[in-house]
Amino acid sequence: MAEGTIKKLTEKGFGFIDTGGSKDLFFHHSSLEGVQYEQLQEGQRVTFTEGSGPKGPAAENVRLA
């Protein structure tokens, strides 16, 4: 599993993970495991697998690290 940091959360139930690369990775609240979206905070470390969403690459199986 890859690791990253939550960079931005929105009120619409999705956010972005800073992966340390040139692009941030999108995630949707439905991709979370073991945590509720409301419990997340910007700056938290997470683990995830990279998958594909309707608009390109997206994080799946997102968990707190």
N, C-alpha and C. Protein backbone atom coordinates (compact mmCIF):
# COMPACT_ATOMS: atom_id res chain seq x y z
N MET A 1 0.84 -1.19 0.00
CA MET A 1 0.00 0.00 0.00
C MET A 1 0.88 1.25 0.00
N ALA A 2 0.41 2.25 -0.69
CA ALA A 2 1.12 3.53 -0.73
C ALA A 2 0.72 4.38 0.47
N GLU A 3 1.54 5.37 0.78
CA GLU A 3 1.23 6.29 1.87
C GLU A 3 1.23 7.71 1.36
N GLY A 4 0.45 8.55 2.04
CA GLY A 4 0.39 9.96 1.70
C GLY A 4 -0.21 10.75 2.84
N THR A 5 -0.42 12.04 2.60
CA THR A 5 -0.97 12.95 3.60
C THR A 5 -2.21 13.61 3.03
N ILE A 6 -3.26 13.70 3.84
CA ILE A 6 -4.47 14.38 3.38
C ILE A 6 -4.14 15.86 3.19
N LYS A 7 -4.31 16.32 1.97
CA LYS A 7 -3.97 17.70 1.64
C LYS A 7 -5.18 18.62 1.74
N LYS A 8 -6.33 18.14 1.27
CA LYS A 8 -7.53 18.98 1.27
C LYS A 8 -8.76 18.11 1.42
N LEU A 9 -9.71 18.59 2.24
CA LEU A 9 -11.01 17.95 2.41
C LEU A 9 -12.08 18.96 2.00
N THR A 10 -13.16 18.47 1.40
CA THR A 10 -14.24 19.36 1.00
C THR A 10 -15.51 19.03 1.78
N GLU A 11 -16.47 19.92 1.74
CA GLU A 11 -17.76 19.68 2.39
C GLU A 11 -18.63 18.74 1.56
N LYS A 12 -18.20 18.40 0.37
CA LYS A 12 -18.98 17.55 -0.53
C LYS A 12 -18.64 16.07 -0.39
N GLY A 13 -17.71 15.72 0.54
CA GLY A 13 -17.42 14.32 0.79
C GLY A 13 -16.28 13.73 -0.01
N PHE A 14 -15.41 14.58 -0.51
CA PHE A 14 -14.22 14.06 -1.17
C PHE A 14 -13.02 14.92 -0.78
N GLY A 15 -11.84 14.43 -1.13
CA GLY A 15 -10.63 15.15 -0.79
C GLY A 15 -9.48 14.74 -1.68
N PHE A 16 -8.30 15.23 -1.31
CA PHE A 16 -7.11 14.96 -2.10
C PHE A 16 -5.97 14.56 -1.18
N ILE A 17 -5.16 13.61 -1.65
CA ILE A 17 -4.03 13.09 -0.90
C ILE A 17 -2.75 13.54 -1.59
N ASP A 18 -1.83 14.12 -0.81
CA ASP A 18 -0.50 14.47 -1.30
C ASP A 18 0.32 13.20 -1.26
N THR A 19 0.72 12.73 -2.41
CA THR A 19 1.46 11.47 -2.51
C THR A 19 2.96 11.67 -2.53
N GLY A 20 3.40 12.93 -2.48
CA GLY A 20 4.83 13.21 -2.57
C GLY A 20 5.30 13.38 -4.01
N GLY A 21 4.41 13.15 -4.96
CA GLY A 21 4.74 13.31 -6.38
C GLY A 21 4.26 14.65 -6.89
N SER A 22 4.16 14.76 -8.19
CA SER A 22 3.78 16.03 -8.80
C SER A 22 2.26 16.27 -8.77
N LYS A 23 1.48 15.21 -8.63
CA LYS A 23 0.02 15.37 -8.63
C LYS A 23 -0.58 14.80 -7.36
N ASP A 24 -1.65 15.45 -6.88
CA ASP A 24 -2.41 14.95 -5.74
C ASP A 24 -3.39 13.90 -6.23
N LEU A 25 -3.77 12.99 -5.36
CA LEU A 25 -4.67 11.90 -5.72
C LEU A 25 -6.04 12.12 -5.10
N PHE A 26 -7.07 12.06 -5.91
CA PHE A 26 -8.46 12.24 -5.49
C PHE A 26 -8.92 11.03 -4.67
N PHE A 27 -9.78 11.26 -3.66
CA PHE A 27 -10.49 10.16 -3.01
C PHE A 27 -11.90 10.60 -2.64
N HIS A 28 -12.80 9.64 -2.62
CA HIS A 28 -14.21 9.86 -2.28
C HIS A 28 -14.48 9.19 -0.95
N HIS A 29 -15.43 9.72 -0.19
CA HIS A 29 -15.72 9.14 1.13
C HIS A 29 -16.09 7.67 1.06
N SER A 30 -16.61 7.21 -0.06
CA SER A 30 -16.97 5.79 -0.20
C SER A 30 -15.72 4.89 -0.28
N SER A 31 -14.54 5.48 -0.44
CA SER A 31 -13.29 4.72 -0.52
C SER A 31 -12.62 4.54 0.84
N LEU A 32 -13.24 5.06 1.90
CA LEU A 32 -12.64 4.97 3.23
C LEU A 32 -12.91 3.62 3.87
N GLU A 33 -11.95 3.15 4.65
CA GLU A 33 -12.09 1.90 5.41
C GLU A 33 -11.67 2.14 6.85
N GLY A 34 -12.54 1.82 7.79
CA GLY A 34 -12.22 1.90 9.20
C GLY A 34 -12.25 3.30 9.79
N VAL A 35 -12.72 4.27 9.03
CA VAL A 35 -12.79 5.64 9.52
C VAL A 35 -13.94 6.36 8.79
N GLN A 36 -14.59 7.27 9.48
CA GLN A 36 -15.65 8.07 8.88
C GLN A 36 -15.04 9.34 8.29
N TYR A 37 -15.63 9.85 7.23
CA TYR A 37 -15.12 11.06 6.58
C TYR A 37 -15.02 12.22 7.57
N GLU A 38 -16.00 12.34 8.46
CA GLU A 38 -16.04 13.44 9.42
C GLU A 38 -14.89 13.39 10.42
N GLN A 39 -14.24 12.23 10.57
CA GLN A 39 -13.13 12.06 11.51
C GLN A 39 -11.79 12.48 10.90
N LEU A 40 -11.76 12.67 9.59
CA LEU A 40 -10.50 13.01 8.93
C LEU A 40 -10.14 14.48 9.12
N GLN A 41 -8.85 14.74 9.10
CA GLN A 41 -8.34 16.11 9.19
C GLN A 41 -7.21 16.28 8.19
N GLU A 42 -7.08 17.47 7.66
CA GLU A 42 -5.97 17.76 6.77
C GLU A 42 -4.66 17.57 7.53
N GLY A 43 -3.68 16.97 6.88
CA GLY A 43 -2.39 16.71 7.50
C GLY A 43 -2.23 15.30 8.05
N GLN A 44 -3.33 14.54 8.13
CA GLN A 44 -3.23 13.17 8.64
C GLN A 44 -2.57 12.27 7.60
N ARG A 45 -1.80 11.29 8.08
CA ARG A 45 -1.18 10.30 7.21
C ARG A 45 -2.19 9.19 6.93
N VAL A 46 -2.22 8.74 5.68
CA VAL A 46 -3.11 7.66 5.28
C VAL A 46 -2.37 6.67 4.39
N THR A 47 -2.90 5.46 4.34
CA THR A 47 -2.43 4.46 3.38
C THR A 47 -3.56 4.24 2.39
N PHE A 48 -3.22 3.81 1.18
CA PHE A 48 -4.23 3.63 0.14
C PHE A 48 -3.66 2.77 -0.98
N THR A 49 -4.54 2.31 -1.84
CA THR A 49 -4.12 1.69 -3.09
C THR A 49 -4.58 2.62 -4.21
N GLU A 50 -3.78 2.70 -5.24
CA GLU A 50 -4.14 3.57 -6.36
C GLU A 50 -5.01 2.81 -7.34
N GLY A 51 -6.14 3.40 -7.66
CA GLY A 51 -7.07 2.80 -8.60
C GLY A 51 -7.46 3.81 -9.65
N SER A 52 -8.58 3.54 -10.29
CA SER A 52 -9.05 4.42 -11.35
C SER A 52 -10.48 4.83 -11.07
N GLY A 53 -10.72 6.13 -11.12
CA GLY A 53 -12.07 6.66 -10.94
C GLY A 53 -12.62 7.11 -12.29
N PRO A 54 -13.83 7.67 -12.29
CA PRO A 54 -14.45 8.09 -13.55
C PRO A 54 -13.69 9.21 -14.26
N LYS A 55 -12.88 9.97 -13.50
CA LYS A 55 -12.15 11.09 -14.12
C LYS A 55 -10.65 10.90 -14.05
N GLY A 56 -10.20 9.69 -13.81
CA GLY A 56 -8.75 9.44 -13.77
C GLY A 56 -8.33 8.70 -12.52
N PRO A 57 -7.04 8.77 -12.18
CA PRO A 57 -6.53 8.06 -11.01
C PRO A 57 -7.23 8.51 -9.71
N ALA A 58 -7.46 7.56 -8.83
CA ALA A 58 -8.12 7.86 -7.55
C ALA A 58 -7.62 6.89 -6.50
N ALA A 59 -7.64 7.32 -5.24
CA ALA A 59 -7.23 6.46 -4.14
C ALA A 59 -8.40 5.57 -3.72
N GLU A 60 -8.10 4.33 -3.41
CA GLU A 60 -9.09 3.35 -2.94
C GLU A 60 -8.57 2.76 -1.63
N ASN A 61 -9.45 2.15 -0.88
CA ASN A 61 -9.06 1.49 0.38
C ASN A 61 -8.28 2.42 1.29
N VAL A 62 -8.76 3.66 1.45
CA VAL A 62 -8.05 4.68 2.23
C VAL A 62 -8.25 4.39 3.72
N ARG A 63 -7.12 4.31 4.46
CA ARG A 63 -7.12 4.05 5.90
C ARG A 63 -6.14 5.01 6.58
N LEU A 64 -6.39 5.29 7.86
CA LEU A 64 -5.42 6.08 8.60
C LEU A 64 -4.15 5.25 8.80
N ALA A 65 -3.02 5.89 8.68
CA ALA A 65 -1.73 5.19 8.81
C ALA A 65 -1.37 5.03 10.28
